[in-house]
Amino acid sequence: MVDQGLPRNTPRQAALTVATHTKTMALTRRDGLRWLGAAGLVAALGKPLAAHATPLARVRELGLLKVGIYHEMPPFHDDGKGIDVELAKALAEALGVKLALLPFHADDNMNDDLRNMVWKGHYLGYGPADVLLHVPVDKPLMDANPQVSIFAPYYRDRVMIARQVDRLPPLDMLSLLGDAPVAVPGQSLAGWLLIGADGGAYKNQLNTQPKDGAEAARALLRGEVAAAAGLASELESVLRGDARFAIAPFPSPRISRGGWAVGMAVKRDATELAQALQSGINELAASGRLREMFARGNVAWQAA
């Protein structure tokens, strides 16, 4: 992975992060909390637990797996639905317990998200979860957060650009955009790359109002622009399968076309829980269920 050196984008798409050697940059996501999606949570939390129970034992004694997910992060979570919601349900099922979802607002950086949702809890009183989904599986991020274990990559995302095929040629270089209008979420890695590309040559033709790449893709779908940039998962969720549009890697030497893996995080001492969740991911991948979850979100699953 190349060194991005980028600022955190808080308004959207929280949780995807590109790590540098000195800091991490989250690729947006936001919102949420105060929604627990398992019946009987209050009663369950009143159960006495065995002294010195391990995190996995506590999950099983309570009969609940509390899963942190980023809110307003299509196609992974949007209004209680999405790929990460399905994945959370499947992981709880694999452990033989019910699911309690904890959607939340992304903080200023990924380190804050890990503190608030994995190992400490938020100062406002919610969290931590038993496990947080959509965490970059990245060594600098791991090194910066010794309180957590990051593991079980389940998808590989990357920055892409979509075009209307009858308006633009294959975009092997950004200069091939000409003066065509482009939609891109301004506070995202794709937005940062386009705004600064070629000395700012494309700034005047950018619509940076979309809150995420899915919204940018819908602007392309409506014919308002000739191209849209964002994450592969976002663009595909809107445009995949429509022959009028083509989606290709973003042509920039500043990012790796291989993208980055996303997985999950638990507290450092939750070794047995991590092993159980890893086994759950392995089974979902081997059985084809993980691929099916992504297909229902109209996303081509990319093994990490």
Foldseek 3Di string as FASTA:
>chain_A
DFAQPDFEQFLAQFQDWDAHLVGIHTFYFFFFFPAWPFPPQVVLVPDDDDPPDFLLSSCVSSLEFEEEETERNPQCHYPCDHLVNVLQQLLSVLSRGGYTYTYGTDDRGPLVVCCCAAQPHDPVDDDPGQKYWRHFPDVSVCVVCVQKDFDQFFFFKAKKKKFQPVPFPPCLDVCSCPQWAEEEQCRGPFNVCQCPPPNRPHVVRYDNPDSAQLSRLVCVVVVVTGMYIHMQLNNQLRCPPPVRMDMGHDNDPSDDSRGTTIGMMHGPRNVVSVVSSSVSSVVCVVVVVSQVSSVVSSHGGDGD
